[in-house]
Amino acid sequence: MKNSSIPFNVSIMELTPEKLAKIRPVKVADVYDGMTGNFAEDGLFSVQTFGRVGDELRDQRFGYIDAVVTVFHPTIFRALCQLKALYRDIMSGTRYATWNAQEADFEAATELDGETGYAFFLTHWHKIKFKDSKSPIRTERIKMIEKYRKVATINKILVLPAGLRDFVIDSSGRGTQDEINDIYRKILGASKVLVSAEGAELSPIFDNSRKSIQQSFNEIYDTISQMITGKKGFFQEKFGSRRVFNGTRNVISAMDTSVADLDAENAPGFNDSIIGLFQVMKGALPVTIYQLRNSWLGEVFGVGGSGTSARLIDPKTLQQDIVDLPLDVRDKWVTVEGLEKLVEGFRNPNIRFKPIKIEGRYLGLIYIGPDKTFKIFGDIRELPEHLDRQYVEPLTYVHLFYLCGYRRWNTLKAIVTRYPVAGIGSTYPSHVYCKTTIVGEVRYELGDDWQLKGEEFKALEFPTRKPEAFVDSQVIHPSRLAGLAADYDGDTASATIVYSDEAIAELDRYLDSTAAYLDPRGGFKAGCDVDTITLVLKNMTGD
């Protein structure tokens, strides 16, 4: 096992009555209390349970859900399933077994002479004698189960402080919330059908509800574990290092400052860093996921919808086709995990201009007009008669990813740093300028009426195939080279993307102050007197 996978001071928490005495239970899945507009008193966002919105206590107070019946702690459940697949299958009700008292273990059996189900497993699990082997990993799992056998099952599940997963009203007036709340709702829903009565704990009639609670509990544990550890042990392996979660690091390349109008929106400025689309999406991954789910994907799949149908396009007729998708295919396009994988797949430049196909159908169509306009739409019959069909093509990955947030990408900020830090100029705040292809173009979005939506709906770097090459480096202003102690021979710099409203406002205030440009000695923090520019001028002038 990797060292980063071995906890150094972590143990299973036993939720005793004393520990739960000052914690209020969460009993309902509703956000609001009727039509009052107040958070439900016993809900997931309750002010009484978690504290007032904006109060520090709201980030600290826990709640709990009474699951009524006991389930395994996810760590124990996972270890049991890894020790013997039969244990997992018994609890899920997919295989039958008998209890061998002599061997003190379950044995596979047929439907005629065996039993199955979560309750059947719980009846005997305390008596299991796990057989060790020469595998050190198996030995460690058995030791862990034996250590916590007495507290391995619980019926009270902690709920994270509301401030860490709060219900927020966005700029459009819609409520948004963290996906972990939906998992808590699953547990609340499953526990509603359970009753606390003598004999209920080991009653097989509750097996399906107990299985649902266990699966949801595992999801919660994995979600929180991901926050803390990351895929490679974020806290244990990366805390204090120069790597940043969702950060980007790229080769520094030269900025083309030869533009006709220095005040143009697509002209690089002193405080700009040109960053490729893939790097921007990775560096601001939560923003990317939000933008994707609330753009064209929301039209195709329906944000928050529970069905499996999607509005796709027949490649022969280019007309809309309602398609019922397999669950795993739908998950790829609507879940956070699925979208993260799609973003990661964009790392490969060979797929960026490929049409997006799902189950043999196009995800969408895009009109790219000769008058510098564009529009994503879902049926060729929507195209007005005065517009030429030759300018319609299937939606590609680069169009989907760039256009889902073309009005958002350039509002982000970045902290540019080159390691090792050599001085004041080694790190500085910067505006993000998102670039797609090496040669991009300005295009304007058309609305539902196929008329211009307005000047603010302007894509500054609409991707082109002239040439079909992408920006995958970090382009910094030449005046920053000296402070970074860098040149263009392969040196790299990190860009930590900043995307919260508060952090962006703070950096804007800083960039509007003299402190951003003057060092403590009264000199300039950046300038054009750098070796690279001096050599260029010398070669151009011969002086």
Protein backbone atom coordinates (compact mmCIF):
# COMPACT_ATOMS: atom_id res chain seq x y z
CA MET A 1 0.00 0.00 0.00
CA LYS A 2 1.15 3.54 -0.70
CA ASN A 3 2.20 5.55 2.32
CA SER A 4 -0.29 8.24 1.36
CA SER A 5 -3.10 5.67 1.72
CA ILE A 6 -2.24 4.81 5.33
CA PRO A 7 -3.91 7.16 7.83
CA PHE A 8 -1.57 8.24 10.61
CA ASN A 9 -4.15 9.44 13.16
CA VAL A 10 -7.56 8.44 11.78
CA SER A 11 -10.04 6.11 13.47
CA ILE A 12 -13.71 5.28 13.12
CA MET A 13 -15.88 7.67 15.12
CA GLU A 14 -18.36 6.06 17.50
CA LEU A 15 -21.44 8.27 17.60
CA THR A 16 -22.46 7.76 21.21
CA PRO A 17 -25.59 9.40 22.69
CA GLU A 18 -23.28 11.81 24.52
CA LYS A 19 -21.70 12.98 21.26
CA LEU A 20 -25.08 13.40 19.61
CA ALA A 21 -26.66 15.19 22.56
CA LYS A 22 -25.91 18.69 21.24
CA ILE A 23 -26.47 17.90 17.56
CA ARG A 24 -29.91 18.34 16.01
CA PRO A 25 -31.26 15.66 13.67
CA VAL A 26 -32.10 16.28 10.03
CA LYS A 27 -35.54 14.83 9.37
CA VAL A 28 -36.86 16.31 6.12
CA ALA A 29 -35.47 16.72 2.61
CA ASP A 30 -37.32 19.99 1.91
CA VAL A 31 -35.27 23.14 1.41
CA TYR A 32 -37.98 25.57 2.52
CA ASP A 33 -40.66 25.45 5.17
CA GLY A 34 -43.80 25.59 3.02
CA MET A 35 -44.26 28.92 1.26
CA THR A 36 -42.57 31.02 3.93
CA GLY A 37 -39.23 31.25 2.14
CA ASN A 38 -37.45 30.18 5.35
CA PHE A 39 -35.23 27.13 5.52
CA ALA A 40 -37.13 24.12 6.88
CA GLU A 41 -36.56 23.81 10.63
CA ASP A 42 -35.50 20.15 10.42
CA GLY A 43 -34.13 20.30 6.88
CA LEU A 44 -30.67 20.06 5.36
CA PHE A 45 -30.15 23.85 5.56
CA SER A 46 -31.92 24.50 8.87
CA VAL A 47 -30.88 27.69 10.66
CA GLN A 48 -31.73 26.08 14.01
CA THR A 49 -29.47 23.11 13.27
CA PHE A 50 -26.54 24.71 11.47
CA GLY A 51 -26.67 28.43 12.32
CA ARG A 52 -27.54 31.60 10.43
CA VAL A 53 -26.36 32.14 6.86
CA GLY A 54 -23.08 34.05 6.96
CA ASP A 55 -22.31 33.03 10.55
CA GLU A 56 -19.05 31.15 11.14
CA LEU A 57 -20.99 28.52 13.09
CA ARG A 58 -22.69 27.48 9.87
CA ASP A 59 -19.31 26.15 8.72
CA GLN A 60 -18.79 24.20 11.95
CA ARG A 61 -22.09 22.74 13.17
CA PHE A 62 -22.95 19.20 12.13
CA GLY A 63 -26.31 17.51 11.93
CA TYR A 64 -27.20 13.84 11.71
CA ILE A 65 -29.72 11.56 10.04
CA ASP A 66 -31.30 8.70 11.97
CA ALA A 67 -31.16 5.83 9.50
CA VAL A 68 -33.25 3.67 11.93
CA VAL A 69 -31.45 0.45 10.94
CA THR A 70 -27.72 -0.12 11.15
CA VAL A 71 -25.37 -0.20 8.19
CA PHE A 72 -21.63 -0.68 7.93
CA HIS A 73 -19.19 2.18 8.09
CA PRO A 74 -18.00 2.59 4.46
CA THR A 75 -14.41 1.73 5.37
CA ILE A 76 -15.49 -1.55 6.96
CA PHE A 77 -17.95 -2.28 4.15
CA ARG A 78 -15.25 -1.80 1.52
CA ALA A 79 -12.77 -3.97 3.45
CA LEU A 80 -15.32 -6.78 3.81
CA CYS A 81 -16.09 -6.74 0.10
CA GLN A 82 -12.38 -6.82 -0.73
CA LEU A 83 -11.78 -9.78 1.58
CA LYS A 84 -14.49 -11.89 -0.01
CA ALA A 85 -16.79 -11.04 -2.91
CA LEU A 86 -19.41 -13.41 -1.45
CA TYR A 87 -19.94 -11.00 1.47
CA ARG A 88 -20.82 -8.19 -0.94
CA ASP A 89 -23.13 -10.40 -2.96
CA ILE A 90 -24.99 -11.62 0.13
CA MET A 91 -25.60 -8.06 1.33
CA SER A 92 -26.76 -7.00 -2.12
CA GLY A 93 -29.04 -10.04 -2.37
CA THR A 94 -27.52 -11.37 -5.59
CA ARG A 95 -26.07 -14.66 -4.21
CA TYR A 96 -27.19 -17.25 -1.70
CA ALA A 97 -25.12 -18.74 1.11
CA THR A 98 -25.26 -20.84 4.24
CA TRP A 99 -23.54 -20.27 7.56
CA ASN A 100 -20.86 -22.86 8.37
CA ALA A 101 -20.56 -22.80 12.16
CA GLN A 102 -17.50 -25.07 12.12
CA GLU A 103 -15.56 -22.82 9.72
CA ALA A 104 -17.15 -19.68 11.20
CA ASP A 105 -17.77 -18.28 7.73
CA PHE A 106 -20.30 -18.08 4.93
CA GLU A 107 -20.31 -20.63 2.13
CA ALA A 108 -21.88 -20.21 -1.31
CA ALA A 109 -25.14 -22.11 -1.77
CA THR A 110 -28.09 -22.40 -4.10
CA GLU A 111 -31.43 -20.64 -3.85
CA LEU A 112 -32.97 -23.89 -2.54
CA ASP A 113 -30.70 -24.46 0.46
CA GLY A 114 -29.28 -20.98 1.13
CA GLU A 115 -30.31 -17.54 2.30
CA THR A 116 -29.40 -14.06 1.19
CA GLY A 117 -29.82 -10.43 2.14
CA TYR A 118 -28.35 -7.74 4.36
CA ALA A 119 -30.18 -8.95 7.48
CA PHE A 120 -28.92 -12.52 6.97
CA PHE A 121 -25.35 -11.26 6.74
CA LEU A 122 -25.70 -9.13 9.89
CA THR A 123 -27.04 -12.13 11.83
CA HIS A 124 -23.68 -13.91 11.56
CA TRP A 125 -21.04 -11.33 10.69
CA HIS A 126 -19.82 -10.85 14.29
CA LYS A 127 -18.87 -14.55 14.36
CA ILE A 128 -16.81 -14.57 11.13
CA LYS A 129 -13.25 -15.81 11.57
CA PHE A 130 -11.34 -14.21 8.73
CA LYS A 131 -8.67 -16.44 7.20
CA ASP A 132 -5.31 -14.74 6.87
CA SER A 133 -2.87 -15.32 4.03
CA LYS A 134 0.60 -14.24 3.01
CA SER A 135 -0.80 -11.05 1.52
CA PRO A 136 0.20 -8.06 3.68
CA ILE A 137 -2.71 -6.02 2.31
CA ARG A 138 -5.22 -8.72 3.34
CA THR A 139 -3.58 -8.91 6.77
CA GLU A 140 -3.96 -5.16 7.26
CA ARG A 141 -7.62 -5.29 6.25
CA ILE A 142 -8.35 -8.08 8.71
CA LYS A 143 -6.56 -6.21 11.50
CA MET A 144 -8.59 -3.10 10.77
CA ILE A 145 -11.92 -4.99 10.78
CA GLU A 146 -11.06 -6.79 14.03
CA LYS A 147 -10.04 -3.52 15.67
CA TYR A 148 -13.35 -1.81 14.88
CA ARG A 149 -15.68 -4.82 14.83
CA LYS A 150 -17.67 -3.55 17.83
CA VAL A 151 -18.31 -0.13 16.24
CA ALA A 152 -18.41 -1.20 12.59
CA THR A 153 -22.16 -0.67 12.20
CA ILE A 154 -24.01 2.57 12.86
CA ASN A 155 -27.52 3.97 12.47
CA LYS A 156 -26.72 7.67 12.85
CA ILE A 157 -25.07 9.37 9.87
CA LEU A 158 -23.41 12.76 10.29
CA VAL A 159 -24.42 15.60 7.98
CA LEU A 160 -21.77 18.13 6.94
CA PRO A 161 -22.13 21.75 8.16
CA ALA A 162 -24.53 23.58 5.86
CA GLY A 163 -21.97 26.31 5.12
CA LEU A 164 -19.85 23.74 3.27
CA ARG A 165 -22.71 22.69 0.96
CA ASP A 166 -25.16 25.59 1.20
CA PHE A 167 -28.18 26.49 -0.89
CA VAL A 168 -27.30 29.56 -2.97
CA ILE A 169 -29.42 31.77 -5.21
CA ASP A 170 -27.45 32.55 -8.38
CA SER A 171 -27.62 35.67 -10.55
CA SER A 172 -30.55 34.27 -12.56
CA GLY A 173 -32.63 33.73 -9.43
CA ARG A 174 -32.31 29.94 -9.46
CA GLY A 175 -31.26 27.97 -6.42
CA THR A 176 -28.10 25.88 -6.64
CA GLN A 177 -26.59 23.50 -4.14
CA ASP A 178 -23.82 20.95 -3.77
CA GLU A 179 -24.57 17.47 -5.13
CA ILE A 180 -23.84 15.88 -1.74
CA ASN A 181 -27.25 17.19 -0.59
CA ASP A 182 -28.94 14.87 -3.07
CA ILE A 183 -27.15 11.92 -1.48
CA TYR A 184 -28.37 12.95 1.97
CA ARG A 185 -31.89 13.09 0.52
CA LYS A 186 -31.55 9.50 -0.67
CA ILE A 187 -30.81 8.41 2.90
CA LEU A 188 -33.73 10.44 4.24
CA GLY A 189 -36.02 8.93 1.63
CA ALA A 190 -34.92 5.36 2.35
CA SER A 191 -35.21 5.79 6.13
CA LYS A 192 -38.76 7.18 5.87
CA VAL A 193 -40.17 3.73 5.13
CA LEU A 194 -38.43 2.15 8.13
CA VAL A 195 -39.96 1.79 11.57
CA SER A 196 -38.15 1.38 14.85
CA ALA A 197 -39.70 -1.69 16.47
CA GLU A 198 -38.61 -4.86 18.19
CA GLY A 199 -37.16 -7.26 15.64
CA ALA A 200 -37.00 -4.62 12.90
CA GLU A 201 -33.22 -4.42 13.06
CA LEU A 202 -32.73 -7.88 11.56
CA SER A 203 -35.92 -8.05 9.52
CA PRO A 204 -35.29 -9.04 5.89
CA ILE A 205 -38.20 -6.87 4.71
CA PHE A 206 -35.96 -3.83 5.19
CA ASP A 207 -33.07 -5.23 3.11
CA ASN A 208 -33.71 -3.03 0.07
CA SER A 209 -33.93 0.14 2.15
CA ARG A 210 -30.83 -0.83 4.11
CA LYS A 211 -28.95 -1.52 0.87
CA SER A 212 -29.96 1.90 -0.47
CA ILE A 213 -28.79 3.60 2.74
CA GLN A 214 -25.48 1.74 2.57
CA GLN A 215 -24.87 2.77 -1.04
CA SER A 216 -25.66 6.41 -0.26
CA PHE A 217 -23.47 6.34 2.86
CA ASN A 218 -20.62 5.02 0.72
CA GLU A 219 -21.18 7.86 -1.78
CA ILE A 220 -21.02 10.47 0.98
CA TYR A 221 -17.85 8.96 2.38
CA ASP A 222 -16.19 8.85 -1.05
CA THR A 223 -17.24 12.44 -1.82
CA ILE A 224 -15.80 13.80 1.42
CA SER A 225 -12.71 11.61 1.10
CA GLN A 226 -12.13 13.05 -2.37
CA MET A 227 -12.29 16.57 -0.96
CA ILE A 228 -9.68 15.77 1.66
CA THR A 229 -7.35 13.33 -0.04
CA GLY A 230 -7.74 13.89 -3.76
CA LYS A 231 -6.87 11.16 -6.22
CA LYS A 232 -3.24 11.09 -5.12
CA GLY A 233 -3.52 12.15 -1.50
CA PHE A 234 -4.04 15.90 -1.70
CA PHE A 235 -3.37 16.70 1.97
CA GLN A 236 -0.85 13.98 2.77
CA GLU A 237 1.27 14.20 -0.38
CA LYS A 238 0.73 17.74 -1.65
CA PHE A 239 0.09 19.96 1.37
CA GLY A 240 2.77 22.57 1.51
CA SER A 241 4.17 21.70 -1.89
CA ARG A 242 4.12 23.99 -4.87
CA ARG A 243 1.35 22.06 -6.59
CA VAL A 244 -2.16 23.47 -6.40
CA PHE A 245 -5.38 21.48 -6.74
CA ASN A 246 -6.73 22.15 -10.24
CA GLY A 247 -3.69 24.34 -10.88
CA THR A 248 -1.91 24.50 -14.21
CA ARG A 249 1.75 24.73 -15.15
CA ASN A 250 2.86 25.32 -18.70
CA VAL A 251 5.80 26.29 -20.84
CA ILE A 252 6.22 30.05 -21.19
CA SER A 253 5.90 31.30 -24.75
CA ALA A 254 6.21 34.73 -26.39
CA MET A 255 3.27 37.10 -26.64
CA ASP A 256 2.33 38.61 -29.98
CA THR A 257 1.87 42.31 -29.18
CA SER A 258 1.64 43.45 -32.80
CA VAL A 259 -2.02 44.47 -32.97
CA ALA A 260 -3.61 47.32 -34.89
CA ASP A 261 -5.55 48.66 -31.90
CA LEU A 262 -3.92 48.38 -28.48
CA ASP A 263 -7.29 49.12 -26.83
CA ALA A 264 -9.10 46.29 -28.63
CA GLU A 265 -10.71 43.65 -26.39
CA ASN A 266 -8.69 40.91 -28.05
CA ALA A 267 -5.37 42.78 -27.72
CA PRO A 268 -3.08 41.51 -24.92
CA GLY A 269 -2.31 43.94 -22.15
CA PHE A 270 0.36 44.39 -19.52
CA ASN A 271 -1.78 42.65 -16.88
CA ASP A 272 -2.93 39.81 -19.15
CA SER A 273 -1.81 36.21 -19.29
CA ILE A 274 -2.90 34.28 -22.37
CA ILE A 275 -3.81 30.75 -21.30
CA GLY A 276 -5.08 27.91 -23.51
CA LEU A 277 -8.70 26.79 -23.22
CA PHE A 278 -7.81 23.37 -21.79
CA GLN A 279 -5.63 24.92 -19.08
CA VAL A 280 -8.32 27.46 -18.17
CA MET A 281 -10.94 24.72 -17.88
CA LYS A 282 -8.69 22.57 -15.71
CA GLY A 283 -7.60 25.50 -13.55
CA ALA A 284 -11.20 26.57 -12.91
CA LEU A 285 -12.78 23.11 -12.97
CA PRO A 286 -15.78 23.89 -10.71
CA VAL A 287 -16.62 26.87 -12.94
CA THR A 288 -16.21 24.69 -16.03
CA ILE A 289 -18.59 22.02 -14.71
CA TYR A 290 -21.18 24.67 -13.84
CA GLN A 291 -20.90 26.34 -17.25
CA LEU A 292 -21.21 23.01 -19.08
CA ARG A 293 -24.27 21.90 -17.15
CA ASN A 294 -26.04 25.22 -17.67
CA SER A 295 -25.29 25.63 -21.36
CA TRP A 296 -26.17 23.45 -24.35
CA LEU A 297 -25.89 20.25 -22.29
CA GLY A 298 -28.70 21.53 -20.11
CA GLU A 299 -30.86 21.90 -23.22
CA VAL A 300 -30.08 18.39 -24.44
CA PHE A 301 -30.33 16.45 -21.16
CA GLY A 302 -32.34 18.77 -18.92
CA VAL A 303 -30.49 20.06 -15.83
CA GLY A 304 -31.66 18.18 -12.77
CA GLY A 305 -33.85 15.84 -14.81
CA SER A 306 -34.17 12.26 -13.61
CA GLY A 307 -35.04 10.67 -16.97
CA THR A 308 -32.62 9.05 -19.38
CA SER A 309 -33.84 10.61 -22.61
CA ALA A 310 -31.89 13.22 -24.56
CA ARG A 311 -32.64 15.50 -27.51
CA LEU A 312 -30.03 14.43 -30.06
CA ILE A 313 -29.71 14.89 -33.83
CA ASP A 314 -30.03 12.28 -36.54
CA PRO A 315 -26.81 12.55 -38.64
CA LYS A 316 -28.71 11.82 -41.88
CA THR A 317 -31.63 14.21 -41.56
CA LEU A 318 -30.05 16.64 -39.06
CA GLN A 319 -33.40 16.67 -37.31
CA GLN A 320 -34.02 16.28 -33.60
CA ASP A 321 -34.47 12.76 -32.27
CA ILE A 322 -35.55 11.90 -28.71
CA VAL A 323 -33.27 9.07 -27.63
CA ASP A 324 -33.48 6.93 -24.50
CA LEU A 325 -29.89 6.52 -23.30
CA PRO A 326 -28.27 3.84 -21.15
CA LEU A 327 -27.69 5.16 -17.64
CA ASP A 328 -23.88 5.02 -17.91
CA VAL A 329 -23.98 7.07 -21.14
CA ARG A 330 -26.21 9.72 -19.57
CA ASP A 331 -23.97 9.86 -16.47
CA LYS A 332 -21.00 10.68 -18.70
CA TRP A 333 -22.71 13.92 -19.75
CA VAL A 334 -24.59 15.04 -16.63
CA THR A 335 -22.63 14.00 -13.54
CA VAL A 336 -19.66 15.87 -12.12
CA GLU A 337 -17.43 12.80 -12.44
CA GLY A 338 -18.45 12.25 -16.06
CA LEU A 339 -17.91 15.88 -17.06
CA GLU A 340 -14.51 15.94 -15.34
CA LYS A 341 -13.48 12.99 -17.51
CA LEU A 342 -14.72 14.78 -20.63
CA VAL A 343 -12.68 17.86 -19.74
CA GLU A 344 -9.64 15.69 -19.14
CA GLY A 345 -10.17 14.05 -22.54
CA PHE A 346 -9.88 17.49 -24.15
CA ARG A 347 -6.16 17.26 -23.33
CA ASN A 348 -5.82 15.33 -26.60
CA PRO A 349 -5.72 17.93 -29.42
CA ASN A 350 -6.70 15.32 -32.01
CA ILE A 351 -10.30 15.13 -30.75
CA ARG A 352 -10.95 18.84 -30.30
CA PHE A 353 -12.41 19.50 -33.74
CA LYS A 354 -14.23 16.17 -33.93
CA PRO A 355 -18.06 16.20 -34.00
CA ILE A 356 -19.56 15.07 -30.69
CA LYS A 357 -21.57 11.89 -31.16
CA ILE A 358 -23.68 10.08 -28.55
CA GLU A 359 -25.09 6.68 -29.48
CA GLY A 360 -24.46 7.46 -33.15
CA ARG A 361 -26.20 10.86 -33.08
CA TYR A 362 -24.89 14.41 -32.96
CA LEU A 363 -25.03 16.34 -29.71
CA GLY A 364 -25.91 19.55 -31.56
CA LEU A 365 -25.49 21.72 -34.64
CA ILE A 366 -23.65 25.01 -34.95
CA TYR A 367 -24.15 27.76 -37.47
CA ILE A 368 -20.92 29.63 -38.29
CA GLY A 369 -22.00 32.43 -40.59
CA PRO A 370 -19.96 34.43 -43.12
CA ASP A 371 -21.04 37.58 -41.25
CA LYS A 372 -19.06 36.61 -38.10
CA THR A 373 -22.09 35.21 -36.26
CA PHE A 374 -22.69 31.85 -34.62
CA LYS A 375 -25.45 29.88 -32.95
CA ILE A 376 -25.78 26.42 -31.41
CA PHE A 377 -29.13 24.78 -32.17
CA GLY A 378 -30.82 21.39 -32.22
CA ASP A 379 -32.71 20.86 -35.48
CA ILE A 380 -31.91 21.86 -39.06
CA ARG A 381 -35.56 22.91 -39.46
CA GLU A 382 -34.85 25.79 -37.09
CA LEU A 383 -32.48 27.39 -39.62
CA PRO A 384 -34.18 30.41 -41.24
CA GLU A 385 -34.62 30.28 -45.02
CA HIS A 386 -32.37 33.29 -45.62
CA LEU A 387 -29.37 31.54 -44.01
CA ASP A 388 -27.26 29.10 -46.03
CA ARG A 389 -27.15 25.50 -44.86
CA GLN A 390 -23.50 25.19 -45.98
CA TYR A 391 -22.48 27.12 -42.87
CA VAL A 392 -24.01 24.52 -40.55
CA GLU A 393 -21.86 21.77 -39.11
CA PRO A 394 -22.03 19.29 -36.20
CA LEU A 395 -21.08 20.66 -32.80
CA THR A 396 -17.45 19.82 -31.93
CA TYR A 397 -15.72 19.48 -28.58
CA VAL A 398 -13.85 22.79 -28.91
CA HIS A 399 -17.05 24.65 -29.78
CA LEU A 400 -18.95 23.09 -26.87
CA PHE A 401 -16.22 23.77 -24.31
CA TYR A 402 -15.30 27.28 -25.41
CA LEU A 403 -18.81 28.58 -26.06
CA CYS A 404 -20.27 27.23 -22.81
CA GLY A 405 -18.25 29.88 -20.98
CA TYR A 406 -17.00 32.36 -23.55
CA ARG A 407 -18.42 35.23 -21.49
CA ARG A 408 -16.95 33.80 -18.25
CA TRP A 409 -13.41 32.71 -19.07
CA ASN A 410 -11.97 36.23 -19.39
CA THR A 411 -13.52 37.35 -16.09
CA LEU A 412 -11.23 34.95 -14.22
CA LYS A 413 -7.94 35.96 -12.62
CA ALA A 414 -4.71 34.06 -12.12
CA ILE A 415 -1.75 34.12 -9.76
CA VAL A 416 1.27 33.53 -11.99
CA THR A 417 4.30 32.04 -10.24
CA ARG A 418 7.63 30.67 -11.39
CA TYR A 419 9.44 28.31 -9.04
CA PRO A 420 11.79 28.60 -7.35
CA VAL A 421 10.62 32.05 -6.26
CA ALA A 422 13.57 34.39 -6.76
CA GLY A 423 12.07 37.74 -5.80
CA ILE A 424 9.10 40.08 -5.90
CA GLY A 425 8.50 39.56 -9.62
CA SER A 426 8.42 35.76 -9.34
CA THR A 427 4.72 35.85 -8.56
CA TYR A 428 2.05 38.34 -9.58
CA PRO A 429 -1.72 38.56 -10.19
CA SER A 430 -2.99 38.71 -13.74
CA HIS A 431 -6.14 38.82 -15.85
CA VAL A 432 -6.92 35.60 -17.73
CA TYR A 433 -7.23 35.85 -21.50
CA CYS A 434 -8.54 32.50 -22.78
CA LYS A 435 -7.23 31.44 -26.19
CA THR A 436 -8.45 28.51 -28.26
CA THR A 437 -6.68 28.10 -31.59
CA ILE A 438 -3.54 30.02 -32.50
CA VAL A 439 -5.64 32.08 -34.92
CA GLY A 440 -9.01 32.92 -33.41
CA GLU A 441 -11.70 35.30 -34.60
CA VAL A 442 -14.32 37.57 -33.08
CA ARG A 443 -17.87 36.28 -33.55
CA TYR A 444 -21.28 37.35 -32.23
CA GLU A 445 -23.94 35.02 -30.87
CA LEU A 446 -27.42 34.87 -32.38
CA GLY A 447 -30.47 34.55 -30.16
CA ASP A 448 -33.53 32.31 -30.45
CA ASP A 449 -34.90 34.68 -33.08
CA TRP A 450 -31.66 34.36 -35.07
CA GLN A 451 -30.89 38.03 -34.48
CA LEU A 452 -27.81 39.43 -32.73
CA LYS A 453 -28.19 39.06 -28.97
CA GLY A 454 -26.13 42.17 -28.25
CA GLU A 455 -22.61 43.58 -28.13
CA GLU A 456 -21.86 41.80 -24.86
CA PHE A 457 -22.46 38.38 -26.50
CA LYS A 458 -19.13 38.47 -28.27
CA ALA A 459 -16.76 35.48 -28.52
CA LEU A 460 -13.28 36.99 -28.76
CA GLU A 461 -11.46 33.79 -29.66
CA PHE A 462 -13.86 31.71 -31.71
CA PRO A 463 -11.77 28.68 -32.83
CA THR A 464 -10.71 28.42 -36.47
CA ARG A 465 -8.94 25.86 -38.60
CA LYS A 466 -6.49 28.46 -40.01
CA PRO A 467 -4.35 26.58 -38.99
CA GLU A 468 -5.88 23.80 -36.92
CA ALA A 469 -3.46 24.34 -34.05
CA PHE A 470 -4.20 25.14 -30.43
CA VAL A 471 -2.62 27.29 -27.73
CA ASP A 472 -1.44 24.93 -25.00
CA SER A 473 1.25 27.12 -23.43
CA GLN A 474 1.19 30.07 -21.06
CA VAL A 475 1.79 33.35 -22.87
CA ILE A 476 3.04 36.11 -20.58
CA HIS A 477 3.74 39.76 -21.28
CA PRO A 478 7.44 40.30 -22.14
CA SER A 479 7.81 42.88 -19.37
CA ARG A 480 7.32 40.09 -16.82
CA LEU A 481 10.30 37.99 -17.97
CA ALA A 482 12.90 39.68 -15.76
CA GLY A 483 10.88 39.25 -12.57
CA LEU A 484 10.25 35.63 -13.36
CA ALA A 485 13.93 35.09 -14.22
CA ALA A 486 12.67 33.34 -17.33
CA ASP A 487 13.15 33.18 -21.06
CA TYR A 488 11.73 31.10 -23.89
CA ASP A 489 13.99 28.06 -23.73
CA GLY A 490 11.46 25.78 -22.04
CA ASP A 491 10.98 27.59 -18.73
CA THR A 492 7.61 26.95 -17.10
CA ALA A 493 5.27 28.97 -14.90
CA SER A 494 2.25 28.05 -12.81
CA ALA A 495 -1.10 29.79 -13.08
CA THR A 496 -3.46 29.37 -10.15
CA ILE A 497 -6.90 30.35 -11.44
CA VAL A 498 -9.00 32.51 -9.12
CA TYR A 499 -12.76 32.41 -9.72
CA SER A 500 -14.75 33.36 -6.60
CA ASP A 501 -16.44 36.80 -6.75
CA GLU A 502 -14.66 37.95 -3.58
CA ALA A 503 -11.19 36.90 -4.77
CA ILE A 504 -11.70 38.47 -8.21
CA ALA A 505 -12.83 41.74 -6.63
CA GLU A 506 -9.81 41.72 -4.32
CA LEU A 507 -7.39 41.23 -7.20
CA ASP A 508 -9.11 43.97 -9.21
CA ARG A 509 -8.62 46.37 -6.31
CA TYR A 510 -4.98 45.37 -6.07
CA LEU A 511 -4.37 45.83 -9.81
CA ASP A 512 -5.89 49.32 -9.54
CA SER A 513 -3.42 50.29 -6.80
CA THR A 514 0.17 51.55 -7.04
CA ALA A 515 1.32 48.54 -4.97
CA ALA A 516 0.80 46.37 -8.05
CA TYR A 517 3.42 48.26 -10.05
CA LEU A 518 5.94 49.74 -7.60
CA ASP A 519 8.33 47.68 -5.52
CA PRO A 520 9.21 48.61 -1.89
CA ARG A 521 12.29 50.52 -3.11
CA GLY A 522 10.22 52.77 -5.36
CA GLY A 523 11.16 51.09 -8.64
CA PHE A 524 8.92 49.32 -11.13
CA LYS A 525 8.09 45.67 -10.54
CA ALA A 526 8.16 44.99 -14.29
CA GLY A 527 9.82 46.55 -17.30
CA CYS A 528 10.99 45.95 -20.85
CA ASP A 529 14.69 46.11 -20.05
CA VAL A 530 15.21 42.36 -20.28
CA ASP A 531 17.86 40.35 -22.08
CA THR A 532 15.45 38.81 -24.59
CA ILE A 533 14.10 42.14 -25.81
CA THR A 534 17.59 43.74 -25.78
CA LEU A 535 18.93 40.97 -28.02
CA VAL A 536 15.95 41.28 -30.41
CA LEU A 537 16.45 45.04 -30.73
CA LYS A 538 20.19 44.61 -31.20
CA ASN A 539 19.65 42.13 -34.03
CA MET A 540 17.04 44.38 -35.65
CA THR A 541 19.07 47.60 -35.44
CA GLY A 542 22.62 46.32 -35.37
CA ASP A 543 23.31 48.74 -32.49
